[in-house]
């Protein structure tokens, strides 16, 4: 299980990458840097909080988690 801090850092680093991709894609499409920045930043600000909530919910779901032995030698 991850700590909330780790989930938050992962969300931020992923959204930075996604932000750059979004800004570049919108700029290629529109040729307008201001529009690219506004749309990219606003969309990614919303998505970072949704990703964090998604990660926290999945940490509560046991699906696919393999538990190790309860003891260690």
C-alpha atoms as a PDB file:
ATOM      1  CA  UNK A   1       0.000   0.000   0.000  1.00  0.00           C
ATOM      2  CA  UNK A   2       1.278   3.470  -0.879  1.00  0.00           C
ATOM      3  CA  UNK A   3       1.265   6.479   1.369  1.00  0.00           C
ATOM      4  CA  UNK A   4      -0.956   9.422   0.370  1.00  0.00           C
ATOM      5  CA  UNK A   5       2.213  11.516  -0.107  1.00  0.00           C
ATOM      6  CA  UNK A   6       3.630   9.020  -2.634  1.00  0.00           C
ATOM      7  CA  UNK A   7       0.321   8.969  -4.551  1.00  0.00           C
ATOM      8  CA  UNK A   8       0.339  12.770  -4.659  1.00  0.00           C
ATOM      9  CA  UNK A   9       3.937  12.974  -5.952  1.00  0.00           C
ATOM     10  CA  UNK A  10       3.181  10.348  -8.618  1.00  0.00           C
ATOM     11  CA  UNK A  11       0.093  12.295  -9.661  1.00  0.00           C
ATOM     12  CA  UNK A  12       2.031  15.551  -9.937  1.00  0.00           C
ATOM     13  CA  UNK A  13       4.906  14.111 -11.973  1.00  0.00           C
ATOM     14  CA  UNK A  14       2.522  12.330 -14.336  1.00  0.00           C
ATOM     15  CA  UNK A  15       0.411  15.451 -14.812  1.00  0.00           C
ATOM     16  CA  UNK A  16       3.497  17.535 -15.650  1.00  0.00           C
ATOM     17  CA  UNK A  17       4.268  15.118 -18.467  1.00  0.00           C
ATOM     18  CA  UNK A  18       0.629  15.136 -19.592  1.00  0.00           C
ATOM     19  CA  UNK A  19       0.519  18.942 -19.386  1.00  0.00           C
ATOM     20  CA  UNK A  20       3.437  19.285 -21.777  1.00  0.00           C
ATOM     21  CA  UNK A  21       1.891  16.823 -24.217  1.00  0.00           C
ATOM     22  CA  UNK A  22      -1.466  18.637 -24.079  1.00  0.00           C
ATOM     23  CA  UNK A  23       0.086  22.076 -24.608  1.00  0.00           C
ATOM     24  CA  UNK A  24       2.168  20.856 -27.549  1.00  0.00           C
ATOM     25  CA  UNK A  25      -0.796  19.056 -29.162  1.00  0.00           C
ATOM     26  CA  UNK A  26      -3.085  22.082 -28.845  1.00  0.00           C
ATOM     27  CA  UNK A  27      -0.360  24.381 -30.161  1.00  0.00           C
ATOM     28  CA  UNK A  28       0.199  22.149 -33.196  1.00  0.00           C
ATOM     29  CA  UNK A  29      -3.562  22.171 -33.839  1.00  0.00           C
ATOM     30  CA  UNK A  30      -4.306  25.848 -33.179  1.00  0.00           C
ATOM     31  CA  UNK A  31      -0.997  27.658 -33.569  1.00  0.00           C
ATOM     32  CA  UNK A  32      -2.010  29.809 -30.590  1.00  0.00           C
ATOM     33  CA  UNK A  33       0.347  29.566 -27.604  1.00  0.00           C
ATOM     34  CA  UNK A  34      -1.980  31.460 -25.218  1.00  0.00           C
ATOM     35  CA  UNK A  35      -4.888  29.128 -25.994  1.00  0.00           C
ATOM     36  CA  UNK A  36      -2.579  26.122 -25.631  1.00  0.00           C
ATOM     37  CA  UNK A  37      -1.432  27.245 -22.183  1.00  0.00           C
ATOM     38  CA  UNK A  38      -4.921  28.110 -20.886  1.00  0.00           C
ATOM     39  CA  UNK A  39      -6.511  24.859 -22.039  1.00  0.00           C
ATOM     40  CA  UNK A  40      -3.518  22.716 -21.035  1.00  0.00           C
ATOM     41  CA  UNK A  41      -3.160  24.165 -17.546  1.00  0.00           C
ATOM     42  CA  UNK A  42      -6.871  24.220 -16.690  1.00  0.00           C
ATOM     43  CA  UNK A  43      -7.519  20.682 -17.948  1.00  0.00           C
ATOM     44  CA  UNK A  44      -4.510  19.276 -16.139  1.00  0.00           C
ATOM     45  CA  UNK A  45      -5.302  21.072 -12.878  1.00  0.00           C
ATOM     46  CA  UNK A  46      -8.636  19.243 -12.782  1.00  0.00           C
ATOM     47  CA  UNK A  47      -7.134  15.928 -13.837  1.00  0.00           C
ATOM     48  CA  UNK A  48      -4.465  15.878 -11.113  1.00  0.00           C
ATOM     49  CA  UNK A  49      -7.114  15.852  -8.402  1.00  0.00           C
ATOM     50  CA  UNK A  50      -9.120  13.178 -10.197  1.00  0.00           C
ATOM     51  CA  UNK A  51      -6.001  11.015 -10.574  1.00  0.00           C
ATOM     52  CA  UNK A  52      -5.156  11.380  -6.871  1.00  0.00           C
ATOM     53  CA  UNK A  53      -8.686  10.326  -5.882  1.00  0.00           C
ATOM     54  CA  UNK A  54      -8.483   7.399  -8.329  1.00  0.00           C
ATOM     55  CA  UNK A  55      -5.194   6.207  -6.781  1.00  0.00           C
ATOM     56  CA  UNK A  56      -6.545   6.453  -3.224  1.00  0.00           C
ATOM     57  CA  UNK A  57      -9.682   4.480  -4.143  1.00  0.00           C
ATOM     58  CA  UNK A  58      -7.632   1.751  -5.839  1.00  0.00           C
ATOM     59  CA  UNK A  59      -5.441   1.464  -2.727  1.00  0.00           C
ATOM     60  CA  UNK A  60      -8.565   0.359  -0.841  1.00  0.00           C
ATOM     61  CA  UNK A  61      -9.447  -2.345  -3.381  1.00  0.00           C
ATOM     62  CA  UNK A  62      -7.814  -5.720  -2.871  1.00  0.00           C
ATOM     63  CA  UNK A  63      -8.146  -6.820  -6.505  1.00  0.00           C
ATOM     64  CA  UNK A  64      -4.830  -8.018  -7.939  1.00  0.00           C
ATOM     65  CA  UNK A  65      -2.799  -7.540  -4.758  1.00  0.00           C
ATOM     66  CA  UNK A  66      -0.694 -10.544  -3.805  1.00  0.00           C
ATOM     67  CA  UNK A  67      -0.024 -10.721  -0.102  1.00  0.00           C
ATOM     68  CA  UNK A  68       3.266 -12.117   1.072  1.00  0.00           C
ATOM     69  CA  UNK A  69       3.716 -14.349   4.104  1.00  0.00           C
ATOM     70  CA  UNK A  70       2.874 -12.862   7.481  1.00  0.00           C
ATOM     71  CA  UNK A  71       6.332 -13.726   8.776  1.00  0.00           C
ATOM     72  CA  UNK A  72       9.854 -13.235   7.609  1.00  0.00           C
ATOM     73  CA  UNK A  73      12.910 -15.345   8.326  1.00  0.00           C
END
